[in-house]
Amino acid sequence: MPKVNFRLDGTLYAALTRRARGANLSLSGFIRQLLEQAVDERKRYVFSSQDEILATSIQILSIVATSVGQQSPKALEQGMAQARAILAERGLLGGEDAL
């Protein structure tokens, strides 16, 4: 198997490392999948095997959040703050108020 070496700036390296950790992949495995996506003629999303699980999880969490919010707005607020912190730690928020 051919080997490729290249340099990254610190910010990009940190972001890729967080995203790889969030996807439960090694950095090399994550970058390999990104490169596969870049050359895929059908332009499909490489991580599509997890899309169904993600969609189902979002639906379930939305139902739970609605229920918790109706019963205890303060508990919902605390849960959302925790979710923001976890997502930020993994580099999965687009901005400060993405959630």
C-alpha atoms as a PDB file:
ATOM      1  CA  MET A   1       0.000   0.000   0.000  1.00  0.00           C
ATOM      2  CA  PRO A   2       1.452   3.410  -0.941  1.00  0.00           C
ATOM      3  CA  LYS A   3       2.168   5.839   1.881  1.00  0.00           C
ATOM      4  CA  VAL A   4       1.537   9.609   1.733  1.00  0.00           C
ATOM      5  CA  ASN A   5       3.050  12.165   4.104  1.00  0.00           C
ATOM      6  CA  PHE A   6       1.989  15.803   4.364  1.00  0.00           C
ATOM      7  CA  ARG A   7       2.031  18.678   6.851  1.00  0.00           C
ATOM      8  CA  LEU A   8      -0.997  20.300   8.497  1.00  0.00           C
ATOM      9  CA  ASP A   9      -1.257  23.495  10.463  1.00  0.00           C
ATOM     10  CA  GLY A  10      -2.066  23.069  14.150  1.00  0.00           C
ATOM     11  CA  THR A  11      -5.657  24.264  13.898  1.00  0.00           C
ATOM     12  CA  LEU A  12      -6.540  21.848  11.100  1.00  0.00           C
ATOM     13  CA  TYR A  13      -4.768  18.981  12.862  1.00  0.00           C
ATOM     14  CA  ALA A  14      -6.692  19.650  16.090  1.00  0.00           C
ATOM     15  CA  ALA A  15     -10.026  19.829  14.252  1.00  0.00           C
ATOM     16  CA  LEU A  16      -9.368  16.603  12.319  1.00  0.00           C
ATOM     17  CA  THR A  17      -8.286  14.840  15.496  1.00  0.00           C
ATOM     18  CA  ARG A  18     -11.487  15.897  17.307  1.00  0.00           C
ATOM     19  CA  ARG A  19     -13.661  14.792  14.389  1.00  0.00           C
ATOM     20  CA  ALA A  20     -11.837  11.450  14.128  1.00  0.00           C
ATOM     21  CA  ARG A  21     -12.296  10.855  17.856  1.00  0.00           C
ATOM     22  CA  GLY A  22     -15.977  11.785  17.526  1.00  0.00           C
ATOM     23  CA  ALA A  23     -16.356   9.217  14.721  1.00  0.00           C
ATOM     24  CA  ASN A  24     -14.492   6.633  16.822  1.00  0.00           C
ATOM     25  CA  LEU A  25     -11.762   6.352  14.184  1.00  0.00           C
ATOM     26  CA  SER A  26      -8.017   6.772  14.145  1.00  0.00           C
ATOM     27  CA  LEU A  27      -6.841   9.979  12.502  1.00  0.00           C
ATOM     28  CA  SER A  28      -5.461   7.970   9.561  1.00  0.00           C
ATOM     29  CA  GLY A  29      -8.719   6.034   9.167  1.00  0.00           C
ATOM     30  CA  PHE A  30     -10.758   9.234   9.273  1.00  0.00           C
ATOM     31  CA  ILE A  31      -8.573  10.979   6.678  1.00  0.00           C
ATOM     32  CA  ARG A  32      -8.638   7.880   4.423  1.00  0.00           C
ATOM     33  CA  GLN A  33     -12.446   7.997   4.443  1.00  0.00           C
ATOM     34  CA  LEU A  34     -12.436  11.722   3.670  1.00  0.00           C
ATOM     35  CA  LEU A  35     -10.129  11.095   0.717  1.00  0.00           C
ATOM     36  CA  GLU A  36     -12.359   8.253  -0.505  1.00  0.00           C
ATOM     37  CA  GLN A  37     -15.291  10.663  -0.438  1.00  0.00           C
ATOM     38  CA  ALA A  38     -13.319  13.226  -2.437  1.00  0.00           C
ATOM     39  CA  VAL A  39     -12.708  10.793  -5.307  1.00  0.00           C
ATOM     40  CA  ASP A  40     -16.095   9.019  -5.255  1.00  0.00           C
ATOM     41  CA  GLU A  41     -17.663   9.553  -8.673  1.00  0.00           C
ATOM     42  CA  ARG A  42     -21.177   9.360  -7.225  1.00  0.00           C
ATOM     43  CA  LYS A  43     -20.297  12.079  -4.669  1.00  0.00           C
ATOM     44  CA  ARG A  44     -21.968  10.066  -1.914  1.00  0.00           C
ATOM     45  CA  TYR A  45     -21.302  10.744   1.736  1.00  0.00           C
ATOM     46  CA  VAL A  46     -18.668   8.310   3.035  1.00  0.00           C
ATOM     47  CA  PHE A  47     -20.211   7.974   6.478  1.00  0.00           C
ATOM     48  CA  SER A  48     -23.660   7.047   5.090  1.00  0.00           C
ATOM     49  CA  SER A  49     -23.716   3.748   6.981  1.00  0.00           C
ATOM     50  CA  GLN A  50     -24.214   5.806  10.144  1.00  0.00           C
ATOM     51  CA  ASP A  51     -26.780   8.214   8.668  1.00  0.00           C
ATOM     52  CA  GLU A  52     -29.795   6.031   9.547  1.00  0.00           C
ATOM     53  CA  ILE A  53     -28.625   5.644  13.128  1.00  0.00           C
ATOM     54  CA  LEU A  54     -28.028   9.385  13.366  1.00  0.00           C
ATOM     55  CA  ALA A  55     -31.478  10.227  11.959  1.00  0.00           C
ATOM     56  CA  THR A  56     -33.193   7.836  14.365  1.00  0.00           C
ATOM     57  CA  SER A  57     -31.190   9.181  17.310  1.00  0.00           C
ATOM     58  CA  ILE A  58     -32.113  12.763  16.436  1.00  0.00           C
ATOM     59  CA  GLN A  59     -35.804  11.843  16.271  1.00  0.00           C
ATOM     60  CA  ILE A  60     -35.691  10.043  19.626  1.00  0.00           C
ATOM     61  CA  LEU A  61     -33.784  12.866  21.294  1.00  0.00           C
ATOM     62  CA  SER A  62     -36.208  15.428  19.906  1.00  0.00           C
ATOM     63  CA  ILE A  63     -39.160  13.547  21.428  1.00  0.00           C
ATOM     64  CA  VAL A  64     -37.353  13.183  24.768  1.00  0.00           C
ATOM     65  CA  ALA A  65     -36.340  16.870  24.793  1.00  0.00           C
ATOM     66  CA  THR A  66     -39.921  17.941  24.090  1.00  0.00           C
ATOM     67  CA  SER A  67     -41.226  15.789  26.922  1.00  0.00           C
ATOM     68  CA  VAL A  68     -38.543  16.909  29.390  1.00  0.00           C
ATOM     69  CA  GLY A  69     -39.049  20.548  28.386  1.00  0.00           C
ATOM     70  CA  GLN A  70     -42.759  20.312  29.143  1.00  0.00           C
ATOM     71  CA  GLN A  71     -42.154  18.713  32.536  1.00  0.00           C
ATOM     72  CA  SER A  72     -39.017  20.568  33.637  1.00  0.00           C
ATOM     73  CA  PRO A  73     -37.679  23.454  31.550  1.00  0.00           C
ATOM     74  CA  LYS A  74     -34.711  23.782  33.927  1.00  0.00           C
ATOM     75  CA  ALA A  75     -33.678  20.126  33.370  1.00  0.00           C
ATOM     76  CA  LEU A  76     -33.915  20.680  29.604  1.00  0.00           C
ATOM     77  CA  GLU A  77     -31.733  23.790  29.873  1.00  0.00           C
ATOM     78  CA  GLN A  78     -29.079  21.888  31.859  1.00  0.00           C
ATOM     79  CA  GLY A  79     -29.155  18.971  29.392  1.00  0.00           C
ATOM     80  CA  MET A  80     -28.742  21.302  26.418  1.00  0.00           C
ATOM     81  CA  ALA A  81     -25.767  22.993  28.107  1.00  0.00           C
ATOM     82  CA  GLN A  82     -24.141  19.601  28.651  1.00  0.00           C
ATOM     83  CA  ALA A  83     -24.834  18.618  25.033  1.00  0.00           C
ATOM     84  CA  ARG A  84     -23.237  21.863  23.774  1.00  0.00           C
ATOM     85  CA  ALA A  85     -20.133  21.215  25.883  1.00  0.00           C
ATOM     86  CA  ILE A  86     -19.760  17.645  24.580  1.00  0.00           C
ATOM     87  CA  LEU A  87     -20.311  18.674  20.959  1.00  0.00           C
ATOM     88  CA  ALA A  88     -17.863  21.579  21.274  1.00  0.00           C
ATOM     89  CA  GLU A  89     -15.254  19.275  22.798  1.00  0.00           C
ATOM     90  CA  ARG A  90     -15.556  16.995  19.762  1.00  0.00           C
ATOM     91  CA  GLY A  91     -15.474  19.864  17.278  1.00  0.00           C
ATOM     92  CA  LEU A  92     -19.035  19.241  16.116  1.00  0.00           C
ATOM     93  CA  LEU A  93     -20.531  22.711  16.599  1.00  0.00           C
ATOM     94  CA  GLY A  94     -20.584  25.167  13.737  1.00  0.00           C
ATOM     95  CA  GLY A  95     -20.501  28.194  16.015  1.00  0.00           C
ATOM     96  CA  GLU A  96     -21.209  29.367  19.544  1.00  0.00           C
ATOM     97  CA  ASP A  97     -24.995  29.223  19.187  1.00  0.00           C
ATOM     98  CA  ALA A  98     -25.281  26.241  16.832  1.00  0.00           C
ATOM     99  CA  LEU A  99     -27.445  24.307  19.277  1.00  0.00           C
END
